[in-house]
Amino acid sequence: MNHFAQVNQFLKDSSFFYTIAIGMDSTYTYVSKNYDRNFEFTNGTLLGRHFSVTLHPEDVAICAQVGGQCFSAPGELFSATLRKHDGSGGYVTTQWEMQALFDQQGQPEGIFCIGYNITEFVDTQSRLASANNQLSDIGFMQSHLVRKPLANIIGLSKLISEELKDEKTGQLCAMLLESADELDQVVRDISDKTDE
């Protein structure tokens, strides 16, 4: 049993991985049950159909590029991230590894691909990047926009205390300075956390 057949036998019923083979005519020559279940939306099979029917139109060029790499370096795996139709007008993001297939005479036969859905991972990465950007914005606002007026309050408290020498004003300024210093430390601590 050749390597392609062994892998297909092992993964043919996988619920996580998709296995497909694309012939030299750009049609599906093999599709696993999981691939058909997820990307064939007319209750038939993708077998014999052009590979592009499942793809975002912009990703067809990625397949052509990676396919060329596969035939340029037989035996090596090449990866691609591709968007596939989700059947509801949107797309899921999939990660693939591909390798050229050759017949017994060494002639190109097609490309074997194994992939899986990484939509949740991509969405999580996007949310984390967005959260990091928000934290950076908050850190900037705290270190630049909040601390400037706070520094002014501290400075004005010191000036008032020196200008008005009565005991009551001195006590009020001391309390104001103490609160301003505490607030300044809180802002510094938060800024430090957003910079980590």
N, C-alpha and C. Protein backbone atom coordinates (compact mmCIF):
# COMPACT_ATOMS: atom_id res chain seq x y z
N MET A 1 0.86 -1.18 0.00
CA MET A 1 0.00 0.00 0.00
C MET A 1 0.90 1.24 0.00
N ASN A 2 0.65 2.16 -0.93
CA ASN A 2 1.52 3.34 -0.99
C ASN A 2 1.20 4.31 0.14
N HIS A 3 2.08 5.26 0.31
CA HIS A 3 1.99 6.23 1.41
C HIS A 3 0.66 6.99 1.38
N PHE A 4 0.25 7.45 0.21
CA PHE A 4 -1.00 8.19 0.04
C PHE A 4 -2.18 7.35 0.54
N ALA A 5 -2.24 6.09 0.12
CA ALA A 5 -3.33 5.20 0.52
C ALA A 5 -3.32 4.94 2.02
N GLN A 6 -2.14 4.80 2.61
CA GLN A 6 -2.03 4.57 4.06
C GLN A 6 -2.56 5.76 4.84
N VAL A 7 -2.17 6.95 4.43
CA VAL A 7 -2.64 8.16 5.11
C VAL A 7 -4.15 8.29 4.95
N ASN A 8 -4.65 8.06 3.74
CA ASN A 8 -6.09 8.14 3.51
C ASN A 8 -6.85 7.13 4.35
N GLN A 9 -6.34 5.92 4.44
CA GLN A 9 -6.99 4.89 5.24
C GLN A 9 -7.05 5.31 6.71
N PHE A 10 -5.97 5.86 7.18
CA PHE A 10 -5.89 6.29 8.58
C PHE A 10 -6.84 7.46 8.89
N LEU A 11 -6.95 8.41 7.94
CA LEU A 11 -7.71 9.63 8.20
C LEU A 11 -9.09 9.69 7.54
N LYS A 12 -9.50 8.63 6.84
CA LYS A 12 -10.72 8.71 6.04
C LYS A 12 -11.96 9.04 6.86
N ASP A 13 -12.01 8.67 8.12
CA ASP A 13 -13.17 8.95 8.96
C ASP A 13 -12.90 10.00 10.03
N SER A 14 -11.81 10.73 9.88
CA SER A 14 -11.46 11.75 10.87
C SER A 14 -12.52 12.84 10.95
N SER A 15 -12.81 13.27 12.17
CA SER A 15 -13.74 14.38 12.38
C SER A 15 -13.01 15.71 12.44
N PHE A 16 -11.69 15.67 12.52
CA PHE A 16 -10.90 16.88 12.67
C PHE A 16 -10.16 17.28 11.41
N PHE A 17 -9.65 16.31 10.70
CA PHE A 17 -8.81 16.59 9.54
C PHE A 17 -9.57 16.37 8.24
N TYR A 18 -9.19 17.14 7.23
CA TYR A 18 -9.71 16.98 5.88
C TYR A 18 -8.58 16.41 5.04
N THR A 19 -8.88 15.43 4.22
CA THR A 19 -7.89 14.95 3.26
C THR A 19 -8.52 15.00 1.87
N ILE A 20 -7.74 15.53 0.94
CA ILE A 20 -8.20 15.65 -0.44
C ILE A 20 -7.02 15.39 -1.37
N ALA A 21 -7.35 15.08 -2.60
CA ALA A 21 -6.33 15.00 -3.66
C ALA A 21 -6.91 15.74 -4.85
N ILE A 22 -6.05 16.53 -5.46
CA ILE A 22 -6.42 17.31 -6.64
C ILE A 22 -5.62 16.76 -7.82
N GLY A 23 -6.32 16.41 -8.90
CA GLY A 23 -5.65 15.88 -10.09
C GLY A 23 -5.02 16.98 -10.92
N MET A 24 -4.32 16.59 -11.93
CA MET A 24 -3.64 17.53 -12.82
C MET A 24 -4.65 18.40 -13.60
N ASP A 25 -5.90 17.95 -13.66
CA ASP A 25 -6.94 18.74 -14.32
C ASP A 25 -7.63 19.70 -13.36
N SER A 26 -7.09 19.85 -12.15
CA SER A 26 -7.59 20.75 -11.10
C SER A 26 -8.93 20.33 -10.50
N THR A 27 -9.28 19.05 -10.65
CA THR A 27 -10.51 18.56 -10.03
C THR A 27 -10.17 17.63 -8.85
N TYR A 28 -11.13 17.52 -7.96
CA TYR A 28 -10.95 16.62 -6.82
C TYR A 28 -10.95 15.18 -7.30
N THR A 29 -9.86 14.46 -6.99
CA THR A 29 -9.80 13.03 -7.30
C THR A 29 -10.04 12.20 -6.06
N TYR A 30 -9.99 12.84 -4.90
CA TYR A 30 -10.32 12.18 -3.64
C TYR A 30 -10.77 13.27 -2.66
N VAL A 31 -11.83 12.98 -1.91
CA VAL A 31 -12.26 13.86 -0.82
C VAL A 31 -12.68 12.98 0.35
N SER A 32 -12.21 13.32 1.53
CA SER A 32 -12.61 12.56 2.72
C SER A 32 -14.05 12.92 3.09
N LYS A 33 -14.67 12.05 3.88
CA LYS A 33 -16.06 12.28 4.32
C LYS A 33 -16.17 13.63 5.03
N ASN A 34 -15.21 13.93 5.88
CA ASN A 34 -15.26 15.17 6.66
C ASN A 34 -15.18 16.40 5.76
N TYR A 35 -14.39 16.32 4.71
CA TYR A 35 -14.28 17.45 3.77
C TYR A 35 -15.61 17.65 3.05
N ASP A 36 -16.18 16.57 2.51
CA ASP A 36 -17.49 16.67 1.86
C ASP A 36 -18.55 17.20 2.83
N ARG A 37 -18.54 16.69 4.04
CA ARG A 37 -19.54 17.09 5.04
C ARG A 37 -19.45 18.59 5.34
N ASN A 38 -18.27 19.14 5.33
CA ASN A 38 -18.08 20.55 5.69
C ASN A 38 -18.16 21.52 4.53
N PHE A 39 -17.85 21.08 3.31
CA PHE A 39 -17.73 22.05 2.22
C PHE A 39 -18.57 21.74 0.98
N GLU A 40 -19.29 20.63 0.93
CA GLU A 40 -20.16 20.32 -0.19
C GLU A 40 -21.58 20.66 0.25
N PHE A 41 -22.17 21.68 -0.35
CA PHE A 41 -23.45 22.19 0.15
C PHE A 41 -24.64 21.86 -0.75
N THR A 42 -24.47 20.92 -1.68
CA THR A 42 -25.60 20.53 -2.52
C THR A 42 -25.98 19.07 -2.27
N ASN A 43 -25.56 18.54 -1.12
CA ASN A 43 -25.88 17.16 -0.71
C ASN A 43 -25.35 16.12 -1.68
N GLY A 44 -24.28 16.41 -2.32
CA GLY A 44 -23.63 15.45 -3.21
C GLY A 44 -22.21 15.22 -2.73
N THR A 45 -21.29 15.25 -3.67
CA THR A 45 -19.88 15.13 -3.34
C THR A 45 -19.09 16.12 -4.19
N LEU A 46 -17.95 16.48 -3.68
CA LEU A 46 -17.05 17.37 -4.43
C LEU A 46 -16.19 16.59 -5.42
N LEU A 47 -16.18 15.29 -5.30
CA LEU A 47 -15.39 14.43 -6.18
C LEU A 47 -15.69 14.75 -7.64
N GLY A 48 -14.64 15.06 -8.40
CA GLY A 48 -14.77 15.38 -9.82
C GLY A 48 -15.03 16.86 -10.10
N ARG A 49 -15.26 17.64 -9.09
CA ARG A 49 -15.51 19.08 -9.29
C ARG A 49 -14.20 19.86 -9.19
N HIS A 50 -14.18 21.04 -9.78
CA HIS A 50 -12.99 21.90 -9.75
C HIS A 50 -12.71 22.33 -8.31
N PHE A 51 -11.44 22.29 -7.93
CA PHE A 51 -11.08 22.56 -6.53
C PHE A 51 -11.49 23.96 -6.06
N SER A 52 -11.64 24.90 -6.98
CA SER A 52 -11.91 26.29 -6.59
C SER A 52 -13.33 26.51 -6.07
N VAL A 53 -14.24 25.53 -6.24
CA VAL A 53 -15.63 25.75 -5.82
C VAL A 53 -15.75 25.94 -4.31
N THR A 54 -14.77 25.50 -3.55
CA THR A 54 -14.84 25.63 -2.09
C THR A 54 -14.09 26.85 -1.57
N LEU A 55 -13.35 27.52 -2.43
CA LEU A 55 -12.41 28.55 -2.00
C LEU A 55 -12.93 29.97 -2.12
N HIS A 56 -12.39 30.83 -1.28
CA HIS A 56 -12.53 32.27 -1.48
C HIS A 56 -11.79 32.57 -2.79
N PRO A 57 -12.38 33.38 -3.67
CA PRO A 57 -11.75 33.63 -4.98
C PRO A 57 -10.30 34.11 -4.90
N GLU A 58 -9.98 34.91 -3.89
CA GLU A 58 -8.60 35.42 -3.77
C GLU A 58 -7.60 34.32 -3.41
N ASP A 59 -8.08 33.20 -2.85
CA ASP A 59 -7.17 32.15 -2.40
C ASP A 59 -6.81 31.14 -3.48
N VAL A 60 -7.46 31.22 -4.63
CA VAL A 60 -7.13 30.32 -5.74
C VAL A 60 -5.67 30.53 -6.15
N ALA A 61 -5.22 31.78 -6.15
CA ALA A 61 -3.82 32.08 -6.51
C ALA A 61 -2.84 31.46 -5.52
N ILE A 62 -3.22 31.41 -4.25
CA ILE A 62 -2.36 30.78 -3.23
C ILE A 62 -2.17 29.31 -3.58
N CYS A 63 -3.27 28.64 -3.95
CA CYS A 63 -3.20 27.22 -4.31
C CYS A 63 -2.29 27.00 -5.52
N ALA A 64 -2.39 27.88 -6.50
CA ALA A 64 -1.54 27.76 -7.69
C ALA A 64 -0.07 27.91 -7.31
N GLN A 65 0.22 28.86 -6.45
CA GLN A 65 1.61 29.10 -6.03
C GLN A 65 2.16 27.90 -5.24
N VAL A 66 1.38 27.44 -4.27
CA VAL A 66 1.85 26.32 -3.44
C VAL A 66 1.92 25.04 -4.28
N GLY A 67 0.97 24.86 -5.19
CA GLY A 67 1.03 23.70 -6.08
C GLY A 67 2.31 23.67 -6.88
N GLY A 68 2.71 24.83 -7.39
CA GLY A 68 3.98 24.92 -8.12
C GLY A 68 5.17 24.55 -7.25
N GLN A 69 5.14 24.99 -6.00
CA GLN A 69 6.22 24.64 -5.07
C GLN A 69 6.27 23.14 -4.84
N CYS A 70 5.10 22.51 -4.73
CA CYS A 70 5.05 21.06 -4.50
C CYS A 70 5.73 20.29 -5.63
N PHE A 71 5.47 20.70 -6.88
CA PHE A 71 6.07 19.99 -8.01
C PHE A 71 7.54 20.35 -8.19
N SER A 72 7.95 21.50 -7.70
CA SER A 72 9.36 21.89 -7.79
C SER A 72 10.22 21.15 -6.77
N ALA A 73 9.61 20.70 -5.70
CA ALA A 73 10.36 20.01 -4.64
C ALA A 73 9.60 18.75 -4.22
N PRO A 74 9.63 17.71 -5.06
CA PRO A 74 8.92 16.47 -4.74
C PRO A 74 9.32 15.92 -3.37
N GLY A 75 8.34 15.41 -2.64
CA GLY A 75 8.62 14.81 -1.34
C GLY A 75 8.54 15.80 -0.19
N GLU A 76 8.52 17.09 -0.49
CA GLU A 76 8.43 18.10 0.58
C GLU A 76 6.99 18.53 0.78
N LEU A 77 6.70 18.94 2.02
CA LEU A 77 5.39 19.48 2.36
C LEU A 77 5.44 21.00 2.28
N PHE A 78 4.36 21.57 1.79
CA PHE A 78 4.23 23.02 1.74
C PHE A 78 2.90 23.39 2.39
N SER A 79 2.88 24.49 3.10
CA SER A 79 1.67 24.86 3.83
C SER A 79 0.97 26.06 3.20
N ALA A 80 -0.31 26.15 3.47
CA ALA A 80 -1.12 27.27 2.99
C ALA A 80 -2.29 27.47 3.95
N THR A 81 -2.64 28.72 4.15
CA THR A 81 -3.84 29.07 4.90
C THR A 81 -4.87 29.53 3.89
N LEU A 82 -6.03 28.87 3.90
CA LEU A 82 -7.04 29.13 2.88
C LEU A 82 -8.41 29.34 3.51
N ARG A 83 -9.18 30.22 2.90
CA ARG A 83 -10.56 30.45 3.34
C ARG A 83 -11.49 29.58 2.50
N LYS A 84 -12.38 28.88 3.19
CA LYS A 84 -13.34 27.99 2.52
C LYS A 84 -14.75 28.47 2.82
N HIS A 85 -15.66 28.29 1.84
CA HIS A 85 -17.07 28.65 2.03
C HIS A 85 -17.64 27.89 3.23
N ASP A 86 -18.44 28.60 4.03
CA ASP A 86 -19.06 27.93 5.18
C ASP A 86 -20.50 27.51 4.92
N GLY A 87 -21.02 27.76 3.71
CA GLY A 87 -22.38 27.38 3.38
C GLY A 87 -23.42 28.40 3.80
N SER A 88 -22.98 29.46 4.48
CA SER A 88 -23.91 30.49 4.95
C SER A 88 -23.52 31.87 4.44
N GLY A 89 -22.72 31.91 3.39
CA GLY A 89 -22.30 33.19 2.83
C GLY A 89 -21.00 33.72 3.41
N GLY A 90 -20.43 33.01 4.35
CA GLY A 90 -19.17 33.43 4.96
C GLY A 90 -18.07 32.42 4.67
N TYR A 91 -17.01 32.52 5.44
CA TYR A 91 -15.86 31.65 5.23
C TYR A 91 -15.31 31.16 6.56
N VAL A 92 -14.72 29.97 6.53
CA VAL A 92 -13.93 29.48 7.64
C VAL A 92 -12.47 29.52 7.19
N THR A 93 -11.58 29.59 8.14
CA THR A 93 -10.15 29.61 7.82
C THR A 93 -9.59 28.21 8.06
N THR A 94 -8.87 27.72 7.08
CA THR A 94 -8.31 26.37 7.17
C THR A 94 -6.80 26.43 6.95
N GLN A 95 -6.11 25.50 7.58
CA GLN A 95 -4.66 25.37 7.42
C GLN A 95 -4.39 24.05 6.71
N TRP A 96 -3.51 24.08 5.71
CA TRP A 96 -3.25 22.90 4.88
C TRP A 96 -1.76 22.63 4.77
N GLU A 97 -1.44 21.34 4.58
CA GLU A 97 -0.12 20.94 4.14
C GLU A 97 -0.33 20.12 2.87
N MET A 98 0.53 20.38 1.89
CA MET A 98 0.35 19.78 0.56
C MET A 98 1.65 19.15 0.07
N GLN A 99 1.47 18.10 -0.72
CA GLN A 99 2.63 17.42 -1.31
C GLN A 99 2.23 16.89 -2.68
N ALA A 100 3.15 16.99 -3.62
CA ALA A 100 2.90 16.50 -4.98
C ALA A 100 2.80 14.98 -4.99
N LEU A 101 1.92 14.47 -5.85
CA LEU A 101 1.78 13.03 -6.07
C LEU A 101 2.33 12.69 -7.45
N PHE A 102 3.03 11.55 -7.54
CA PHE A 102 3.60 11.10 -8.81
C PHE A 102 3.20 9.66 -9.04
N ASP A 103 3.02 9.27 -10.30
CA ASP A 103 2.69 7.88 -10.60
C ASP A 103 3.98 7.04 -10.57
N GLN A 104 3.85 5.76 -10.87
CA GLN A 104 5.00 4.86 -10.78
C GLN A 104 6.09 5.18 -11.81
N GLN A 105 5.72 5.89 -12.87
CA GLN A 105 6.71 6.29 -13.87
C GLN A 105 7.33 7.65 -13.54
N GLY A 106 6.93 8.24 -12.40
CA GLY A 106 7.48 9.52 -11.98
C GLY A 106 6.78 10.72 -12.61
N GLN A 107 5.64 10.47 -13.25
CA GLN A 107 4.88 11.56 -13.87
C GLN A 107 3.95 12.21 -12.83
N PRO A 108 3.79 13.53 -12.88
CA PRO A 108 2.92 14.21 -11.92
C PRO A 108 1.48 13.69 -12.03
N GLU A 109 0.90 13.40 -10.86
CA GLU A 109 -0.46 12.87 -10.81
C GLU A 109 -1.43 13.86 -10.17
N GLY A 110 -0.90 14.70 -9.31
CA GLY A 110 -1.75 15.66 -8.62
C GLY A 110 -1.12 16.10 -7.30
N ILE A 111 -1.95 16.58 -6.42
CA ILE A 111 -1.47 17.06 -5.12
C ILE A 111 -2.34 16.47 -4.02
N PHE A 112 -1.70 15.95 -2.99
CA PHE A 112 -2.41 15.45 -1.81
C PHE A 112 -2.36 16.54 -0.74
N CYS A 113 -3.49 16.76 -0.08
CA CYS A 113 -3.59 17.83 0.92
C CYS A 113 -4.24 17.30 2.19
N ILE A 114 -3.72 17.73 3.31
CA ILE A 114 -4.34 17.45 4.60
C ILE A 114 -4.52 18.79 5.30
N GLY A 115 -5.73 19.02 5.83
CA GLY A 115 -6.01 20.31 6.44
C GLY A 115 -6.94 20.19 7.63
N TYR A 116 -7.13 21.30 8.28
CA TYR A 116 -8.05 21.37 9.42
C TYR A 116 -8.51 22.81 9.60
N ASN A 117 -9.59 22.97 10.32
CA ASN A 117 -10.22 24.27 10.53
C ASN A 117 -9.49 25.03 11.65
N ILE A 118 -9.02 26.24 11.34
CA ILE A 118 -8.34 27.05 12.36
C ILE A 118 -9.09 28.36 12.63
N THR A 119 -10.36 28.39 12.26
CA THR A 119 -11.15 29.62 12.42
C THR A 119 -11.15 30.12 13.85
N GLU A 120 -11.39 29.23 14.80
CA GLU A 120 -11.44 29.64 16.21
C GLU A 120 -10.09 30.21 16.65
N PHE A 121 -9.01 29.58 16.24
CA PHE A 121 -7.67 30.07 16.57
C PHE A 121 -7.43 31.46 15.99
N VAL A 122 -7.79 31.65 14.71
CA VAL A 122 -7.60 32.95 14.04
C VAL A 122 -8.45 34.03 14.73
N ASP A 123 -9.70 33.68 15.06
CA ASP A 123 -10.57 34.64 15.74
C ASP A 123 -10.01 35.02 17.11
N THR A 124 -9.50 34.04 17.84
CA THR A 124 -8.91 34.31 19.16
C THR A 124 -7.69 35.20 19.03
N GLN A 125 -6.84 34.91 18.05
CA GLN A 125 -5.66 35.74 17.81
C GLN A 125 -6.06 37.18 17.50
N SER A 126 -7.11 37.33 16.70
CA SER A 126 -7.59 38.67 16.34
C SER A 126 -8.11 39.41 17.56
N ARG A 127 -8.88 38.71 18.40
CA ARG A 127 -9.41 39.34 19.62
C ARG A 127 -8.27 39.73 20.56
N LEU A 128 -7.27 38.87 20.69
CA LEU A 128 -6.12 39.18 21.55
C LEU A 128 -5.35 40.39 21.03
N ALA A 129 -5.16 40.45 19.72
CA ALA A 129 -4.46 41.60 19.12
C ALA A 129 -5.25 42.87 19.38
N SER A 130 -6.57 42.80 19.25
CA SER A 130 -7.41 43.96 19.50
C SER A 130 -7.33 44.39 20.96
N ALA A 131 -7.35 43.40 21.87
CA ALA A 131 -7.24 43.70 23.31
C ALA A 131 -5.89 44.33 23.61
N ASN A 132 -4.83 43.82 22.99
CA ASN A 132 -3.49 44.38 23.21
C ASN A 132 -3.42 45.82 22.71
N ASN A 133 -4.05 46.10 21.57
CA ASN A 133 -4.09 47.48 21.07
C ASN A 133 -4.84 48.39 22.02
N GLN A 134 -5.95 47.89 22.57
CA GLN A 134 -6.71 48.69 23.53
C GLN A 134 -5.89 48.95 24.78
N LEU A 135 -5.16 47.92 25.25
CA LEU A 135 -4.32 48.11 26.44
C LEU A 135 -3.21 49.13 26.16
N SER A 136 -2.65 49.10 24.97
CA SER A 136 -1.62 50.08 24.62
C SER A 136 -2.20 51.49 24.61
N ASP A 137 -3.41 51.62 24.06
CA ASP A 137 -4.08 52.93 24.05
C ASP A 137 -4.34 53.42 25.47
N ILE A 138 -4.81 52.51 26.32
CA ILE A 138 -5.08 52.87 27.72
C ILE A 138 -3.78 53.27 28.41
N GLY A 139 -2.73 52.50 28.17
CA GLY A 139 -1.43 52.82 28.78
C GLY A 139 -0.94 54.20 28.34
N PHE A 140 -1.10 54.52 27.05
CA PHE A 140 -0.69 55.83 26.56
C PHE A 140 -1.51 56.93 27.22
N MET A 141 -2.83 56.72 27.28
CA MET A 141 -3.69 57.75 27.88
C MET A 141 -3.32 57.97 29.34
N GLN A 142 -3.05 56.88 30.05
CA GLN A 142 -2.72 57.02 31.47
C GLN A 142 -1.38 57.70 31.66
N SER A 143 -0.42 57.33 30.86
CA SER A 143 0.91 57.88 31.08
C SER A 143 1.06 59.30 30.54
N HIS A 144 0.25 59.66 29.56
CA HIS A 144 0.41 60.99 28.97
C HIS A 144 -0.75 61.92 29.27
N LEU A 145 -1.96 61.44 29.14
CA LEU A 145 -3.12 62.31 29.28
C LEU A 145 -3.55 62.49 30.74
N VAL A 146 -3.43 61.45 31.55
CA VAL A 146 -3.85 61.54 32.96
C VAL A 146 -2.73 62.14 33.82
N ARG A 147 -1.52 61.75 33.56
CA ARG A 147 -0.43 62.17 34.44
C ARG A 147 -0.11 63.66 34.31
N LYS A 148 -0.34 64.28 33.16
CA LYS A 148 -0.05 65.71 33.01
C LYS A 148 -0.90 66.56 33.96
N PRO A 149 -2.24 66.41 33.93
CA PRO A 149 -3.03 67.21 34.87
C PRO A 149 -2.75 66.83 36.32
N LEU A 150 -2.43 65.57 36.54
CA LEU A 150 -2.10 65.14 37.90
C LEU A 150 -0.82 65.82 38.38
N ALA A 151 0.17 65.91 37.52
CA ALA A 151 1.41 66.61 37.87
C ALA A 151 1.13 68.09 38.13
N ASN A 152 0.20 68.67 37.36
CA ASN A 152 -0.18 70.07 37.60
C ASN A 152 -0.83 70.24 38.98
N ILE A 153 -1.68 69.31 39.36
CA ILE A 153 -2.32 69.37 40.68
C ILE A 153 -1.27 69.30 41.78
N ILE A 154 -0.31 68.41 41.63
CA ILE A 154 0.76 68.28 42.64
C ILE A 154 1.54 69.59 42.73
N GLY A 155 1.90 70.12 41.56
CA GLY A 155 2.66 71.38 41.55
C GLY A 155 1.88 72.54 42.15
N LEU A 156 0.60 72.65 41.79
CA LEU A 156 -0.23 73.73 42.34
C LEU A 156 -0.41 73.59 43.84
N SER A 157 -0.55 72.37 44.32
CA SER A 157 -0.67 72.15 45.78
C SER A 157 0.56 72.65 46.52
N LYS A 158 1.72 72.38 45.95
CA LYS A 158 2.97 72.84 46.58
C LYS A 158 3.05 74.37 46.56
N LEU A 159 2.66 74.97 45.43
CA LEU A 159 2.68 76.44 45.33
C LEU A 159 1.72 77.08 46.33
N ILE A 160 0.51 76.54 46.43
CA ILE A 160 -0.48 77.08 47.38
C ILE A 160 0.03 76.96 48.80
N SER A 161 0.62 75.82 49.11
CA SER A 161 1.13 75.60 50.47
C SER A 161 2.23 76.61 50.80
N GLU A 162 3.09 76.90 49.83
CA GLU A 162 4.17 77.86 50.07
C GLU A 162 3.67 79.29 50.09
N GLU A 163 2.66 79.58 49.26
CA GLU A 163 2.15 80.95 49.15
C GLU A 163 1.31 81.33 50.36
N LEU A 164 0.43 80.44 50.77
CA LEU A 164 -0.45 80.70 51.91
C LEU A 164 0.12 79.94 53.10
N LYS A 165 0.69 80.64 54.03
CA LYS A 165 1.46 80.01 55.10
C LYS A 165 0.60 79.62 56.32
N ASP A 166 -0.74 79.76 56.22
CA ASP A 166 -1.52 79.42 57.41
C ASP A 166 -1.60 77.91 57.57
N GLU A 167 -1.83 77.50 58.80
CA GLU A 167 -1.76 76.09 59.17
C GLU A 167 -2.85 75.27 58.48
N LYS A 168 -4.07 75.81 58.41
CA LYS A 168 -5.20 75.08 57.82
C LYS A 168 -4.93 74.81 56.33
N THR A 169 -4.45 75.82 55.59
CA THR A 169 -4.13 75.65 54.17
C THR A 169 -3.01 74.64 54.01
N GLY A 170 -2.03 74.67 54.88
CA GLY A 170 -0.92 73.73 54.84
C GLY A 170 -1.39 72.29 55.02
N GLN A 171 -2.32 72.10 55.97
CA GLN A 171 -2.86 70.75 56.20
C GLN A 171 -3.65 70.26 54.98
N LEU A 172 -4.49 71.16 54.43
CA LEU A 172 -5.28 70.78 53.26
C LEU A 172 -4.37 70.45 52.06
N CYS A 173 -3.35 71.26 51.87
CA CYS A 173 -2.41 71.01 50.76
C CYS A 173 -1.65 69.71 50.97
N ALA A 174 -1.29 69.41 52.23
CA ALA A 174 -0.59 68.17 52.52
C ALA A 174 -1.48 66.97 52.20
N MET A 175 -2.76 67.06 52.56
CA MET A 175 -3.70 65.96 52.25
C MET A 175 -3.90 65.84 50.73
N LEU A 176 -4.00 67.00 50.06
CA LEU A 176 -4.15 67.01 48.61
C LEU A 176 -2.92 66.38 47.94
N LEU A 177 -1.73 66.74 48.42
CA LEU A 177 -0.49 66.17 47.87
C LEU A 177 -0.42 64.67 48.10
N GLU A 178 -0.81 64.23 49.29
CA GLU A 178 -0.77 62.81 49.61
C GLU A 178 -1.72 62.03 48.69
N SER A 179 -2.94 62.54 48.50
CA SER A 179 -3.90 61.88 47.60
C SER A 179 -3.40 61.90 46.16
N ALA A 180 -2.84 63.03 45.73
CA ALA A 180 -2.32 63.14 44.36
C ALA A 180 -1.16 62.16 44.16
N ASP A 181 -0.28 62.02 45.16
CA ASP A 181 0.84 61.07 45.07
C ASP A 181 0.32 59.63 44.98
N GLU A 182 -0.72 59.32 45.78
CA GLU A 182 -1.30 57.98 45.74
C GLU A 182 -1.90 57.70 44.36
N LEU A 183 -2.63 58.68 43.82
CA LEU A 183 -3.22 58.54 42.50
C LEU A 183 -2.13 58.40 41.44
N ASP A 184 -1.07 59.17 41.56
CA ASP A 184 0.05 59.08 40.62
C ASP A 184 0.65 57.68 40.64
N GLN A 185 0.78 57.09 41.83
CA GLN A 185 1.34 55.74 41.94
C GLN A 185 0.41 54.72 41.30
N VAL A 186 -0.90 54.88 41.50
CA VAL A 186 -1.86 53.97 40.88
C VAL A 186 -1.75 54.05 39.35
N VAL A 187 -1.67 55.27 38.82
CA VAL A 187 -1.55 55.45 37.37
C VAL A 187 -0.26 54.81 36.87
N ARG A 188 0.83 54.98 37.61
CA ARG A 188 2.11 54.35 37.21
C ARG A 188 1.99 52.83 37.20
N ASP A 189 1.37 52.27 38.24
CA ASP A 189 1.21 50.83 38.34
C ASP A 189 0.39 50.28 37.17
N ILE A 190 -0.70 50.97 36.84
CA ILE A 190 -1.54 50.54 35.72
C ILE A 190 -0.77 50.67 34.41
N SER A 191 -0.04 51.76 34.26
CA SER A 191 0.76 51.93 33.03
C SER A 191 1.80 50.84 32.89
N ASP A 192 2.43 50.49 34.02
CA ASP A 192 3.42 49.41 33.98
C ASP A 192 2.78 48.08 33.56
N LYS A 193 1.56 47.81 34.05
CA LYS A 193 0.87 46.58 33.69
C LYS A 193 0.52 46.54 32.20
N THR A 194 0.12 47.66 31.64
CA THR A 194 -0.25 47.69 30.22
C THR A 194 0.97 47.60 29.32
N ASP A 195 2.17 47.90 29.86
CA ASP A 195 3.40 47.81 29.07
C ASP A 195 3.98 46.41 29.05
N GLU A 196 3.51 45.54 29.95
CA GLU A 196 4.07 44.18 30.04
C GLU A 196 3.73 43.35 28.84
